[in-house]
Amino acid sequence: MVTWIGLCAGEVWKYLETHEGYCPVEKVINDIDAPEQSVLMAIGWLAREGHILLRGAPPDYRIILNIKKTT
């Protein structure tokens, strides 16, 4: 399971690299070919590690790569 979440985290990362600005979490979930729960766990993993930044409030969360962390 951890491996699957890691693979989903990689997909979220790649998705965010190709999209400018904050992306709606719902759009990320819909555009990535993985179960919603897996994508949400991947987003949580990336957030906990500081690789993404979250903005907004439910249900309108938006995310972006944390450029300072990735360089």
N, C-alpha and C. Protein backbone atom coordinates (compact mmCIF):
# COMPACT_ATOMS: atom_id res chain seq x y z
N MET A 1 0.81 -1.19 0.00
CA MET A 1 0.00 0.00 0.00
C MET A 1 0.86 1.26 0.00
N VAL A 2 1.92 1.25 0.80
CA VAL A 2 2.79 2.42 0.87
C VAL A 2 3.44 2.68 -0.49
N THR A 3 3.81 1.62 -1.18
CA THR A 3 4.40 1.77 -2.51
C THR A 3 3.39 2.42 -3.46
N TRP A 4 2.14 1.97 -3.40
CA TRP A 4 1.10 2.53 -4.28
C TRP A 4 0.90 4.02 -3.99
N ILE A 5 0.86 4.40 -2.71
CA ILE A 5 0.69 5.80 -2.35
C ILE A 5 1.88 6.61 -2.85
N GLY A 6 3.08 6.05 -2.75
CA GLY A 6 4.27 6.72 -3.27
C GLY A 6 4.20 6.93 -4.77
N LEU A 7 3.70 5.94 -5.48
CA LEU A 7 3.54 6.08 -6.94
C LEU A 7 2.51 7.16 -7.26
N CYS A 8 1.42 7.20 -6.51
CA CYS A 8 0.42 8.25 -6.70
C CYS A 8 1.01 9.62 -6.37
N ALA A 9 1.85 9.69 -5.34
CA ALA A 9 2.50 10.96 -4.99
C ALA A 9 3.36 11.44 -6.15
N GLY A 10 4.03 10.51 -6.82
CA GLY A 10 4.82 10.87 -8.00
C GLY A 10 3.95 11.41 -9.12
N GLU A 11 2.78 10.82 -9.29
CA GLU A 11 1.85 11.30 -10.32
C GLU A 11 1.33 12.70 -9.97
N VAL A 12 1.02 12.93 -8.70
CA VAL A 12 0.57 14.25 -8.26
C VAL A 12 1.68 15.27 -8.52
N TRP A 13 2.90 14.90 -8.18
CA TRP A 13 4.06 15.79 -8.37
C TRP A 13 4.19 16.18 -9.85
N LYS A 14 4.17 15.16 -10.72
CA LYS A 14 4.29 15.42 -12.16
C LYS A 14 3.15 16.29 -12.67
N TYR A 15 1.96 16.04 -12.17
CA TYR A 15 0.80 16.83 -12.56
C TYR A 15 1.01 18.30 -12.19
N LEU A 16 1.44 18.54 -10.96
CA LEU A 16 1.64 19.91 -10.50
C LEU A 16 2.78 20.61 -11.22
N GLU A 17 3.79 19.85 -11.66
CA GLU A 17 4.89 20.43 -12.43
C GLU A 17 4.41 20.99 -13.77
N THR A 18 3.37 20.40 -14.31
CA THR A 18 2.89 20.81 -15.64
C THR A 18 1.74 21.82 -15.58
N HIS A 19 1.32 22.19 -14.37
CA HIS A 19 0.23 23.16 -14.21
C HIS A 19 0.73 24.34 -13.40
N GLU A 20 0.46 25.53 -13.90
CA GLU A 20 0.91 26.74 -13.21
C GLU A 20 -0.11 27.16 -12.16
N GLY A 21 0.38 27.75 -11.10
CA GLY A 21 -0.50 28.27 -10.05
C GLY A 21 -1.09 27.16 -9.20
N TYR A 22 -1.93 27.59 -8.27
CA TYR A 22 -2.60 26.65 -7.39
C TYR A 22 -3.67 25.88 -8.15
N CYS A 23 -3.66 24.55 -8.04
CA CYS A 23 -4.63 23.70 -8.72
C CYS A 23 -5.70 23.26 -7.72
N PRO A 24 -6.96 23.27 -8.12
CA PRO A 24 -8.00 22.73 -7.24
C PRO A 24 -7.77 21.24 -6.99
N VAL A 25 -7.88 20.83 -5.75
CA VAL A 25 -7.67 19.42 -5.40
C VAL A 25 -8.63 18.53 -6.17
N GLU A 26 -9.87 18.97 -6.34
CA GLU A 26 -10.84 18.16 -7.09
C GLU A 26 -10.38 17.91 -8.52
N LYS A 27 -9.76 18.90 -9.14
CA LYS A 27 -9.26 18.73 -10.51
C LYS A 27 -8.12 17.72 -10.54
N VAL A 28 -7.22 17.81 -9.57
CA VAL A 28 -6.11 16.86 -9.48
C VAL A 28 -6.66 15.44 -9.33
N ILE A 29 -7.63 15.27 -8.44
CA ILE A 29 -8.23 13.95 -8.21
C ILE A 29 -8.84 13.42 -9.50
N ASN A 30 -9.57 14.27 -10.21
CA ASN A 30 -10.25 13.83 -11.44
C ASN A 30 -9.28 13.56 -12.59
N ASP A 31 -8.17 14.25 -12.64
CA ASP A 31 -7.24 14.12 -13.77
C ASP A 31 -6.21 13.00 -13.60
N ILE A 32 -6.01 12.54 -12.39
CA ILE A 32 -5.04 11.46 -12.16
C ILE A 32 -5.78 10.13 -12.18
N ASP A 33 -5.23 9.17 -12.91
CA ASP A 33 -5.86 7.86 -13.07
C ASP A 33 -5.53 6.96 -11.87
N ALA A 34 -6.19 7.25 -10.76
CA ALA A 34 -6.03 6.46 -9.54
C ALA A 34 -7.26 6.71 -8.68
N PRO A 35 -7.55 5.79 -7.75
CA PRO A 35 -8.70 6.01 -6.87
C PRO A 35 -8.56 7.30 -6.05
N GLU A 36 -9.69 7.95 -5.81
CA GLU A 36 -9.70 9.22 -5.08
C GLU A 36 -8.97 9.12 -3.74
N GLN A 37 -9.22 8.07 -2.99
CA GLN A 37 -8.58 7.92 -1.68
C GLN A 37 -7.06 7.83 -1.80
N SER A 38 -6.57 7.18 -2.83
CA SER A 38 -5.12 7.07 -3.04
C SER A 38 -4.51 8.43 -3.36
N VAL A 39 -5.20 9.20 -4.19
CA VAL A 39 -4.70 10.53 -4.53
C VAL A 39 -4.70 11.43 -3.29
N LEU A 40 -5.75 11.33 -2.48
CA LEU A 40 -5.80 12.13 -1.26
C LEU A 40 -4.69 11.73 -0.28
N MET A 41 -4.41 10.45 -0.17
CA MET A 41 -3.30 10.01 0.69
C MET A 41 -1.97 10.52 0.15
N ALA A 42 -1.82 10.51 -1.17
CA ALA A 42 -0.58 11.01 -1.79
C ALA A 42 -0.43 12.50 -1.54
N ILE A 43 -1.51 13.25 -1.64
CA ILE A 43 -1.46 14.68 -1.36
C ILE A 43 -1.07 14.92 0.10
N GLY A 44 -1.64 14.14 1.00
CA GLY A 44 -1.28 14.25 2.42
C GLY A 44 0.19 13.96 2.66
N TRP A 45 0.69 12.94 2.00
CA TRP A 45 2.10 12.57 2.13
C TRP A 45 2.99 13.74 1.67
N LEU A 46 2.70 14.26 0.49
CA LEU A 46 3.49 15.37 -0.05
C LEU A 46 3.39 16.62 0.84
N ALA A 47 2.20 16.86 1.39
CA ALA A 47 2.03 18.02 2.28
C ALA A 47 2.84 17.83 3.56
N ARG A 48 2.80 16.65 4.12
CA ARG A 48 3.53 16.36 5.36
C ARG A 48 5.03 16.51 5.16
N GLU A 49 5.51 16.14 4.00
CA GLU A 49 6.93 16.25 3.69
C GLU A 49 7.33 17.66 3.27
N GLY A 50 6.35 18.55 3.10
CA GLY A 50 6.63 19.93 2.74
C GLY A 50 6.85 20.15 1.26
N HIS A 51 6.48 19.18 0.43
CA HIS A 51 6.70 19.29 -1.01
C HIS A 51 5.60 20.05 -1.74
N ILE A 52 4.44 20.20 -1.09
CA ILE A 52 3.37 20.98 -1.68
C ILE A 52 2.85 21.97 -0.65
N LEU A 53 2.21 23.01 -1.15
CA LEU A 53 1.57 24.00 -0.29
C LEU A 53 0.08 23.93 -0.54
N LEU A 54 -0.69 24.05 0.53
CA LEU A 54 -2.15 24.01 0.46
C LEU A 54 -2.70 25.40 0.75
N ARG A 55 -3.79 25.73 0.08
CA ARG A 55 -4.43 27.01 0.29
C ARG A 55 -5.94 26.81 0.20
N GLY A 56 -6.69 27.63 0.91
CA GLY A 56 -8.14 27.56 0.85
C GLY A 56 -8.74 26.81 2.02
N ALA A 57 -10.03 26.59 1.91
CA ALA A 57 -10.79 25.89 2.94
C ALA A 57 -11.74 24.91 2.26
N PRO A 58 -12.20 23.91 3.00
CA PRO A 58 -13.08 22.93 2.39
C PRO A 58 -14.31 23.60 1.79
N PRO A 59 -14.79 23.17 0.68
CA PRO A 59 -14.28 22.10 -0.16
C PRO A 59 -13.38 22.62 -1.28
N ASP A 60 -12.87 23.83 -1.15
CA ASP A 60 -12.12 24.47 -2.23
C ASP A 60 -10.62 24.52 -2.00
N TYR A 61 -10.05 23.43 -1.52
CA TYR A 61 -8.60 23.38 -1.34
C TYR A 61 -7.90 23.49 -2.68
N ARG A 62 -6.76 24.15 -2.69
CA ARG A 62 -5.90 24.26 -3.88
C ARG A 62 -4.48 23.92 -3.45
N ILE A 63 -3.71 23.32 -4.38
CA ILE A 63 -2.34 22.91 -4.06
C ILE A 63 -1.38 23.37 -5.15
N ILE A 64 -0.12 23.50 -4.75
CA ILE A 64 0.96 23.87 -5.66
C ILE A 64 2.24 23.25 -5.14
N LEU A 65 3.18 22.98 -6.03
CA LEU A 65 4.49 22.50 -5.57
C LEU A 65 5.18 23.59 -4.76
N ASN A 66 5.87 23.18 -3.72
CA ASN A 66 6.66 24.10 -2.90
C ASN A 66 8.02 24.23 -3.56
N ILE A 67 8.19 25.26 -4.37
CA ILE A 67 9.41 25.45 -5.15
C ILE A 67 10.64 25.51 -4.24
N LYS A 68 10.53 26.15 -3.09
CA LYS A 68 11.67 26.26 -2.17
C LYS A 68 12.12 24.90 -1.69
N LYS A 69 11.20 23.97 -1.52
CA LYS A 69 11.53 22.62 -1.04
C LYS A 69 12.13 21.77 -2.15
N THR A 70 11.67 21.97 -3.40
CA THR A 70 12.07 21.10 -4.50
C THR A 70 13.39 21.49 -5.14
N THR A 71 13.93 22.67 -4.84
CA THR A 71 15.18 23.08 -5.46
C THR A 71 16.35 22.88 -4.54
